[in-house]
C-alpha atoms as a PDB file:
ATOM      1  CA  UNK A   1      63.836  47.543 161.223  1.00  0.00           C
ATOM      2  CA  UNK A   2      66.515  49.016 163.467  1.00  0.00           C
ATOM      3  CA  UNK A   3      67.800  51.382 160.938  1.00  0.00           C
ATOM      4  CA  UNK A   4      64.252  52.861 159.872  1.00  0.00           C
ATOM      5  CA  UNK A   5      63.638  53.569 163.554  1.00  0.00           C
ATOM      6  CA  UNK A   6      66.910  55.302 163.912  1.00  0.00           C
ATOM      7  CA  UNK A   7      66.395  57.355 160.856  1.00  0.00           C
ATOM      8  CA  UNK A   8      62.834  58.360 162.183  1.00  0.00           C
ATOM      9  CA  UNK A   9      64.422  58.987 165.809  1.00  0.00           C
ATOM     10  CA  UNK A  10      66.943  61.396 164.569  1.00  0.00           C
ATOM     11  CA  UNK A  11      63.978  63.425 163.009  1.00  0.00           C
ATOM     12  CA  UNK A  12      64.393  63.420 159.689  1.00  0.00           C
ATOM     13  CA  UNK A  13      62.173  66.092 157.936  1.00  0.00           C
ATOM     14  CA  UNK A  14      59.313  63.925 156.221  1.00  0.00           C
ATOM     15  CA  UNK A  15      56.145  65.866 154.608  1.00  0.00           C
ATOM     16  CA  UNK A  16      52.926  65.571 155.989  1.00  0.00           C
ATOM     17  CA  UNK A  17      49.737  64.330 154.139  1.00  0.00           C
ATOM     18  CA  UNK A  18      48.807  67.913 153.548  1.00  0.00           C
ATOM     19  CA  UNK A  19      51.938  68.952 152.224  1.00  0.00           C
ATOM     20  CA  UNK A  20      51.721  65.844 149.370  1.00  0.00           C
ATOM     21  CA  UNK A  21      48.264  66.409 148.973  1.00  0.00           C
ATOM     22  CA  UNK A  22      49.233  70.190 147.828  1.00  0.00           C
ATOM     23  CA  UNK A  23      52.059  69.092 145.865  1.00  0.00           C
ATOM     24  CA  UNK A  24      49.924  66.620 144.016  1.00  0.00           C
ATOM     25  CA  UNK A  25      47.362  68.986 143.045  1.00  0.00           C
ATOM     26  CA  UNK A  26      49.866  71.614 141.880  1.00  0.00           C
ATOM     27  CA  UNK A  27      51.475  68.924 139.811  1.00  0.00           C
ATOM     28  CA  UNK A  28      48.448  67.985 138.291  1.00  0.00           C
ATOM     29  CA  UNK A  29      47.454  71.507 137.612  1.00  0.00           C
ATOM     30  CA  UNK A  30      50.749  72.318 136.074  1.00  0.00           C
ATOM     31  CA  UNK A  31      50.444  69.045 133.599  1.00  0.00           C
ATOM     32  CA  UNK A  32      46.749  69.996 132.612  1.00  0.00           C
ATOM     33  CA  UNK A  33      47.571  73.253 131.632  1.00  0.00           C
ATOM     34  CA  UNK A  34      50.327  72.728 129.159  1.00  0.00           C
ATOM     35  CA  UNK A  35      48.268  69.955 127.886  1.00  0.00           C
ATOM     36  CA  UNK A  36      45.343  72.109 127.427  1.00  0.00           C
ATOM     37  CA  UNK A  37      47.404  75.068 125.584  1.00  0.00           C
ATOM     38  CA  UNK A  38      48.869  72.360 123.499  1.00  0.00           C
ATOM     39  CA  UNK A  39      45.693  70.266 122.574  1.00  0.00           C
ATOM     40  CA  UNK A  40      43.514  73.364 122.567  1.00  0.00           C
ATOM     41  CA  UNK A  41      45.528  75.497 120.401  1.00  0.00           C
ATOM     42  CA  UNK A  42      44.879  78.172 122.971  1.00  0.00           C
ATOM     43  CA  UNK A  43      48.418  80.388 122.207  1.00  0.00           C
ATOM     44  CA  UNK A  44      50.727  80.658 119.094  1.00  0.00           C
ATOM     45  CA  UNK A  45      54.253  80.954 118.483  1.00  0.00           C
ATOM     46  CA  UNK A  46      56.513  82.356 121.237  1.00  0.00           C
ATOM     47  CA  UNK A  47      53.908  82.854 123.826  1.00  0.00           C
ATOM     48  CA  UNK A  48      53.338  79.111 123.855  1.00  0.00           C
ATOM     49  CA  UNK A  49      57.053  78.365 124.133  1.00  0.00           C
ATOM     50  CA  UNK A  50      57.390  80.796 126.965  1.00  0.00           C
ATOM     51  CA  UNK A  51      54.234  79.341 128.957  1.00  0.00           C
ATOM     52  CA  UNK A  52      55.116  75.790 128.547  1.00  0.00           C
ATOM     53  CA  UNK A  53      58.656  76.595 129.840  1.00  0.00           C
ATOM     54  CA  UNK A  54      57.196  78.447 132.855  1.00  0.00           C
ATOM     55  CA  UNK A  55      54.976  75.645 133.736  1.00  0.00           C
ATOM     56  CA  UNK A  56      57.822  73.383 133.261  1.00  0.00           C
ATOM     57  CA  UNK A  57      60.073  75.282 135.789  1.00  0.00           C
ATOM     58  CA  UNK A  58      57.031  75.574 138.149  1.00  0.00           C
ATOM     59  CA  UNK A  59      56.682  71.839 137.850  1.00  0.00           C
ATOM     60  CA  UNK A  60      60.340  71.560 138.890  1.00  0.00           C
ATOM     61  CA  UNK A  61      60.057  73.877 141.932  1.00  0.00           C
ATOM     62  CA  UNK A  62      56.735  71.830 143.093  1.00  0.00           C
ATOM     63  CA  UNK A  63      58.874  68.573 142.907  1.00  0.00           C
ATOM     64  CA  UNK A  64      61.854  69.595 144.749  1.00  0.00           C
ATOM     65  CA  UNK A  65      59.888  71.719 147.365  1.00  0.00           C
ATOM     66  CA  UNK A  66      57.142  69.418 148.104  1.00  0.00           C
ATOM     67  CA  UNK A  67      58.363  65.825 147.145  1.00  0.00           C
ATOM     68  CA  UNK A  68      62.371  66.058 147.406  1.00  0.00           C
ATOM     69  CA  UNK A  69      62.122  68.370 150.660  1.00  0.00           C
ATOM     70  CA  UNK A  70      64.877  70.395 149.622  1.00  0.00           C
ATOM     71  CA  UNK A  71      63.570  73.306 151.823  1.00  0.00           C
ATOM     72  CA  UNK A  72      63.672  70.832 155.094  1.00  0.00           C
ATOM     73  CA  UNK A  73      67.384  70.150 154.455  1.00  0.00           C
ATOM     74  CA  UNK A  74      69.618  70.594 157.844  1.00  0.00           C
ATOM     75  CA  UNK A  75      72.961  71.990 157.272  1.00  0.00           C
ATOM     76  CA  UNK A  76      75.279  71.625 155.508  1.00  0.00           C
ATOM     77  CA  UNK A  77      73.091  71.724 152.398  1.00  0.00           C
ATOM     78  CA  UNK A  78      75.267  69.057 150.133  1.00  0.00           C
ATOM     79  CA  UNK A  79      72.297  68.049 148.227  1.00  0.00           C
ATOM     80  CA  UNK A  80      71.167  71.555 147.354  1.00  0.00           C
ATOM     81  CA  UNK A  81      74.619  72.550 146.128  1.00  0.00           C
ATOM     82  CA  UNK A  82      74.851  69.201 144.121  1.00  0.00           C
ATOM     83  CA  UNK A  83      71.484  70.330 142.622  1.00  0.00           C
ATOM     84  CA  UNK A  84      72.671  73.833 141.817  1.00  0.00           C
ATOM     85  CA  UNK A  85      75.886  72.157 140.130  1.00  0.00           C
ATOM     86  CA  UNK A  86      73.605  69.640 138.136  1.00  0.00           C
ATOM     87  CA  UNK A  87      71.381  72.746 136.985  1.00  0.00           C
ATOM     88  CA  UNK A  88      74.772  74.969 136.040  1.00  0.00           C
ATOM     89  CA  UNK A  89      76.194  71.830 133.754  1.00  0.00           C
ATOM     90  CA  UNK A  90      72.749  71.547 132.325  1.00  0.00           C
ATOM     91  CA  UNK A  91      72.331  74.953 131.317  1.00  0.00           C
ATOM     92  CA  UNK A  92      75.764  74.650 130.053  1.00  0.00           C
ATOM     93  CA  UNK A  93      75.184  71.636 128.041  1.00  0.00           C
ATOM     94  CA  UNK A  94      71.909  72.922 126.432  1.00  0.00           C
ATOM     95  CA  UNK A  95      72.769  76.210 125.970  1.00  0.00           C
ATOM     96  CA  UNK A  96      76.159  75.474 123.967  1.00  0.00           C
ATOM     97  CA  UNK A  97      74.244  72.905 122.075  1.00  0.00           C
ATOM     98  CA  UNK A  98      71.563  75.429 121.018  1.00  0.00           C
ATOM     99  CA  UNK A  99      74.146  77.921 120.418  1.00  0.00           C
ATOM    100  CA  UNK A 100      75.991  75.649 117.882  1.00  0.00           C
ATOM    101  CA  UNK A 101      72.833  74.752 116.290  1.00  0.00           C
ATOM    102  CA  UNK A 102      71.931  78.245 115.739  1.00  0.00           C
ATOM    103  CA  UNK A 103      75.163  79.647 114.608  1.00  0.00           C
ATOM    104  CA  UNK A 104      76.657  76.836 112.673  1.00  0.00           C
ATOM    105  CA  UNK A 105      75.028  77.779 109.435  1.00  0.00           C
ATOM    106  CA  UNK A 106      78.226  77.728 107.589  1.00  0.00           C
ATOM    107  CA  UNK A 107      78.099  74.147 106.676  1.00  0.00           C
ATOM    108  CA  UNK A 108      74.592  74.243 105.156  1.00  0.00           C
END
């Protein structure tokens, strides 16, 4: 109990009910729109792919800003740097895997 009181007394940033509600509503909208696109057959081909990717990126931004409080972080921003490093590693792994799968047609 004392550790919780000391954490709150240090002024750690926590979201308000309004902030959580806005984040929750944005998350619902960014989940329903891609589901409607896929289930309703609204878009075809690459436009469907790009819209689903955009919704995923926006969903990531909503989660980071409203629920993980990345913008409210005090200096030094170690969590933000760790997040950026993780994203770079993810992009290299996914991009490299896609490159290998697309351009390794020699074996087939």
